[in-house]
N, C-alpha and C. Protein backbone atom coordinates (compact mmCIF):
# COMPACT_ATOMS: atom_id res chain seq x y z
N MET A 1 35.79 -14.78 -21.87
CA MET A 1 36.61 -14.44 -21.31
C MET A 1 37.83 -14.32 -22.11
N THR A 2 38.78 -13.25 -21.79
CA THR A 2 39.95 -13.04 -22.64
C THR A 2 41.18 -13.87 -22.13
N GLU A 3 41.81 -14.42 -23.16
CA GLU A 3 42.91 -15.36 -22.82
C GLU A 3 44.02 -14.78 -23.36
N ILE A 4 45.25 -14.49 -22.64
CA ILE A 4 46.43 -13.87 -22.98
C ILE A 4 47.67 -14.80 -22.70
N VAL A 5 48.48 -14.95 -23.76
CA VAL A 5 49.61 -15.93 -23.56
C VAL A 5 50.91 -14.98 -23.83
N VAL A 6 51.67 -14.98 -22.73
CA VAL A 6 52.94 -14.35 -22.41
C VAL A 6 53.73 -15.54 -22.47
N GLU A 7 54.95 -15.15 -23.27
CA GLU A 7 56.02 -15.94 -23.26
C GLU A 7 57.30 -15.31 -23.69
N GLY A 8 58.49 -15.85 -23.62
CA GLY A 8 59.74 -15.26 -23.95
C GLY A 8 60.06 -14.09 -23.07
N PRO A 9 60.68 -13.08 -24.01
CA PRO A 9 61.15 -11.85 -23.29
C PRO A 9 59.95 -11.01 -22.51
N GLU A 10 58.85 -11.37 -22.97
CA GLU A 10 57.63 -10.60 -22.34
C GLU A 10 57.48 -11.11 -21.04
N MET A 11 57.87 -12.20 -20.47
CA MET A 11 57.84 -12.71 -19.16
C MET A 11 58.43 -11.62 -18.19
N VAL A 12 59.59 -11.10 -18.65
CA VAL A 12 60.41 -10.26 -17.74
C VAL A 12 59.40 -8.95 -17.41
N LEU A 13 58.76 -8.39 -18.62
CA LEU A 13 57.86 -7.26 -18.35
C LEU A 13 56.72 -7.71 -17.28
N VAL A 14 56.17 -8.84 -17.43
CA VAL A 14 55.12 -9.23 -16.60
C VAL A 14 55.60 -9.33 -15.04
N GLU A 15 56.88 -9.85 -14.95
CA GLU A 15 57.38 -9.74 -13.54
C GLU A 15 57.37 -8.33 -12.96
N LYS A 16 57.90 -7.49 -13.79
CA LYS A 16 58.14 -6.05 -13.19
C LYS A 16 56.78 -5.57 -13.14
N MET A 17 55.81 -5.61 -13.89
CA MET A 17 54.75 -5.25 -13.72
C MET A 17 53.90 -6.07 -12.25
N LYS A 18 53.99 -7.03 -12.25
CA LYS A 18 53.65 -7.69 -10.91
C LYS A 18 54.27 -6.75 -9.66
N ARG A 19 55.53 -6.60 -9.75
CA ARG A 19 56.40 -5.92 -8.64
C ARG A 19 55.59 -4.56 -8.36
N VAL A 20 55.43 -3.84 -9.55
CA VAL A 20 55.13 -2.29 -9.49
C VAL A 20 53.78 -2.18 -9.29
N ARG A 21 52.94 -3.47 -9.51
CA ARG A 21 51.35 -3.09 -9.27
C ARG A 21 51.08 -3.30 -7.75
N GLY A 22 52.12 -3.56 -6.95
CA GLY A 22 51.87 -3.57 -5.46
C GLY A 22 51.94 -2.16 -5.00
N LYS A 23 52.40 -1.24 -5.63
CA LYS A 23 52.35 0.17 -5.30
C LYS A 23 51.31 1.08 -5.81
N ASP A 24 50.44 0.11 -6.60
CA ASP A 24 49.39 1.16 -7.20
C ASP A 24 48.24 0.83 -6.37
N GLU A 25 47.71 1.91 -5.66
CA GLU A 25 46.51 1.65 -4.90
C GLU A 25 45.20 1.21 -5.43
N GLU A 26 44.89 1.84 -6.55
CA GLU A 26 43.75 1.37 -7.53
C GLU A 26 43.76 -0.06 -7.58
N VAL A 27 44.87 -0.66 -8.30
CA VAL A 27 44.87 -2.13 -8.34
C VAL A 27 44.92 -3.06 -7.08
N VAL A 28 45.66 -2.34 -6.20
CA VAL A 28 45.81 -3.23 -4.95
C VAL A 28 44.48 -3.57 -4.48
N LYS A 29 43.58 -2.53 -4.44
CA LYS A 29 42.29 -2.63 -3.75
C LYS A 29 41.34 -3.61 -4.62
N VAL A 30 41.53 -3.51 -6.05
CA VAL A 30 40.81 -4.44 -6.87
C VAL A 30 40.94 -5.70 -6.76
N VAL A 31 42.36 -5.91 -6.57
CA VAL A 31 42.78 -7.30 -6.72
C VAL A 31 42.47 -7.83 -5.40
N GLU A 32 42.64 -7.24 -3.93
CA GLU A 32 42.06 -7.76 -2.80
C GLU A 32 40.68 -7.90 -2.76
N LYS A 33 39.80 -7.13 -3.57
CA LYS A 33 38.44 -7.29 -3.27
C LYS A 33 38.28 -8.70 -4.06
N MET A 34 38.92 -8.98 -5.17
CA MET A 34 38.53 -10.05 -6.09
C MET A 34 39.00 -11.22 -5.34
N LYS A 35 40.15 -11.33 -4.64
CA LYS A 35 40.66 -12.39 -3.83
C LYS A 35 39.57 -12.74 -2.79
N LYS A 36 39.13 -11.66 -2.08
CA LYS A 36 38.31 -11.70 -0.97
C LYS A 36 37.11 -12.24 -1.31
N ALA A 37 36.42 -12.19 -2.76
CA ALA A 37 35.20 -12.76 -3.00
C ALA A 37 35.55 -14.07 -3.70
N GLU A 38 36.86 -14.42 -4.00
CA GLU A 38 37.22 -15.68 -4.73
C GLU A 38 36.72 -15.82 -6.10
N VAL A 39 36.83 -14.56 -6.90
CA VAL A 39 36.33 -14.45 -8.15
C VAL A 39 37.63 -13.79 -9.19
N ARG A 40 37.70 -14.14 -10.40
CA ARG A 40 38.56 -13.55 -11.32
C ARG A 40 38.00 -12.41 -12.03
N VAL A 41 36.81 -12.16 -11.98
CA VAL A 41 36.16 -10.91 -12.80
C VAL A 41 35.28 -10.05 -11.76
N LEU A 42 35.34 -8.74 -11.99
CA LEU A 42 34.61 -7.90 -11.34
C LEU A 42 33.79 -7.37 -12.44
N ARG A 43 32.58 -7.56 -12.64
CA ARG A 43 31.80 -7.14 -13.85
C ARG A 43 31.48 -5.64 -13.91
N GLY A 44 31.24 -5.07 -12.58
CA GLY A 44 30.80 -3.59 -12.51
C GLY A 44 31.78 -2.73 -13.00
N ASP A 45 33.19 -3.02 -12.66
CA ASP A 45 34.23 -2.13 -13.00
C ASP A 45 34.82 -2.97 -14.10
N LYS A 46 34.36 -3.91 -14.57
CA LYS A 46 35.21 -4.60 -15.79
C LYS A 46 36.72 -4.86 -15.54
N TRP A 47 36.97 -5.43 -14.45
CA TRP A 47 38.41 -5.96 -14.00
C TRP A 47 38.43 -7.44 -14.05
N GLU A 48 39.59 -8.16 -14.65
CA GLU A 48 39.77 -9.50 -14.60
C GLU A 48 41.06 -9.62 -14.03
N ILE A 49 41.34 -10.84 -13.54
CA ILE A 49 42.74 -11.38 -13.62
C ILE A 49 42.84 -12.62 -14.45
N GLU A 50 43.89 -12.63 -15.26
CA GLU A 50 44.24 -13.53 -16.21
C GLU A 50 45.77 -13.93 -16.01
N GLY A 51 45.87 -15.05 -15.32
CA GLY A 51 47.23 -15.65 -15.15
C GLY A 51 48.02 -14.38 -13.98
N ASP A 52 48.99 -14.10 -14.55
CA ASP A 52 49.77 -12.88 -13.61
C ASP A 52 49.40 -11.47 -13.95
N LEU A 53 48.70 -11.10 -14.98
CA LEU A 53 47.96 -10.02 -15.47
C LEU A 53 46.60 -9.70 -15.06
N VAL A 54 46.53 -8.48 -14.70
CA VAL A 54 45.35 -7.85 -14.24
C VAL A 54 44.81 -7.05 -15.56
N LEU A 55 43.69 -7.16 -15.95
CA LEU A 55 42.82 -6.45 -17.18
C LEU A 55 41.87 -5.65 -16.64
N LYS A 56 41.70 -4.62 -17.32
CA LYS A 56 40.65 -3.43 -16.94
C LYS A 56 40.09 -3.17 -18.56
N LYS A 57 38.61 -3.70 -18.54
CA LYS A 57 38.13 -3.53 -19.88
C LYS A 57 38.96 -4.34 -21.08
N GLU A 58 39.09 -5.37 -20.66
CA GLU A 58 39.82 -6.27 -21.45
C GLU A 58 41.06 -6.01 -22.20
N LYS A 59 41.76 -5.11 -21.40
CA LYS A 59 43.10 -4.74 -21.88
C LYS A 59 44.04 -4.82 -20.48
N VAL A 60 45.26 -5.08 -21.04
CA VAL A 60 46.41 -5.20 -19.73
C VAL A 60 46.51 -4.04 -19.05
N TYR A 61 46.26 -3.92 -17.60
CA TYR A 61 46.37 -2.91 -16.70
C TYR A 61 47.66 -2.41 -16.55
N MET A 62 48.10 -1.26 -17.00
CA MET A 62 49.56 -0.92 -16.70
C MET A 62 49.81 0.01 -15.67
N PRO A 63 50.29 -0.41 -14.53
CA PRO A 63 50.59 0.42 -13.24
C PRO A 63 51.14 1.65 -13.56
N LYS A 64 50.71 2.45 -12.57
CA LYS A 64 51.26 4.01 -12.73
C LYS A 64 52.74 3.86 -12.46
N ASP A 65 53.59 3.75 -13.31
CA ASP A 65 54.97 3.71 -13.38
C ASP A 65 55.59 4.18 -14.53
N GLU A 66 56.20 5.39 -14.40
CA GLU A 66 56.60 5.91 -15.73
C GLU A 66 57.75 5.28 -16.47
N LYS A 67 58.61 4.62 -15.56
CA LYS A 67 59.90 4.12 -15.91
C LYS A 67 59.34 2.67 -16.74
N LEU A 68 58.46 1.95 -16.14
CA LEU A 68 58.07 0.57 -16.67
C LEU A 68 57.14 0.88 -18.13
N ARG A 69 56.35 1.88 -18.06
CA ARG A 69 55.38 2.23 -19.03
C ARG A 69 56.29 2.47 -20.29
N LEU A 70 57.51 3.37 -20.05
CA LEU A 70 58.22 3.71 -21.25
C LEU A 70 59.07 2.32 -21.64
N GLU A 71 59.33 1.41 -20.82
CA GLU A 71 59.83 0.12 -21.21
C GLU A 71 59.01 -0.68 -22.09
N VAL A 72 57.86 -0.73 -21.45
CA VAL A 72 56.68 -1.34 -22.36
C VAL A 72 56.50 -0.82 -23.74
N ILE A 73 56.54 0.48 -23.68
CA ILE A 73 56.27 1.18 -25.18
C ILE A 73 57.56 0.89 -26.07
N LEU A 74 58.75 0.94 -25.46
CA LEU A 74 60.00 0.59 -26.36
C LEU A 74 60.31 -0.72 -26.83
N HIS A 75 59.61 -1.76 -25.91
CA HIS A 75 59.76 -3.24 -26.27
C HIS A 75 58.44 -3.41 -27.41
N HIS A 76 57.29 -2.66 -27.26
CA HIS A 76 56.33 -2.94 -28.23
C HIS A 76 56.57 -2.46 -29.61
N ASN A 77 57.50 -1.62 -29.68
CA ASN A 77 57.96 -0.97 -31.10
C ASN A 77 58.91 -1.83 -31.65
N VAL A 78 59.45 -2.89 -31.03
CA VAL A 78 60.51 -3.72 -31.57
C VAL A 78 59.74 -4.86 -32.30
N SER A 79 60.33 -5.07 -33.60
CA SER A 79 59.90 -6.03 -34.55
C SER A 79 59.54 -7.29 -34.02
N VAL A 80 60.24 -7.97 -33.15
CA VAL A 80 60.27 -9.36 -32.35
C VAL A 80 59.01 -9.35 -31.68
N ALA A 81 58.46 -8.01 -30.97
CA ALA A 81 57.16 -8.07 -30.35
C ALA A 81 56.00 -8.16 -31.29
N GLY A 82 56.43 -8.24 -32.66
CA GLY A 82 55.30 -8.45 -33.50
C GLY A 82 54.59 -6.94 -34.25
N TYR A 83 54.99 -5.93 -33.59
CA TYR A 83 54.81 -4.72 -34.13
C TYR A 83 55.77 -3.88 -34.66
N ARG A 84 55.64 -2.99 -35.45
CA ARG A 84 56.86 -2.11 -35.91
C ARG A 84 56.07 -0.84 -36.54
N GLU A 85 56.58 0.30 -36.34
CA GLU A 85 55.94 1.37 -37.18
C GLU A 85 56.61 1.48 -38.52
N ARG A 86 55.48 1.74 -39.46
CA ARG A 86 56.04 1.80 -40.87
C ARG A 86 56.32 3.28 -41.35
């Protein structure tokens, strides 16, 4: 199982992802299915719930919200986030 640790400024992004996720029909259906079955992993579709994040194929699922996606990309490119283009 994948373990993801989120702290500091990234928590704001996670909270925004949680709010936007409720508008994404695909992820709403998956999360409801997982809650109903009382599981954290759907193996056939490779979905997982890890804390406040929803993962698909071991990667954080990004809801279909262009504004939030841009914010995550810009945040990811900041050296504080541990990544910087050279």
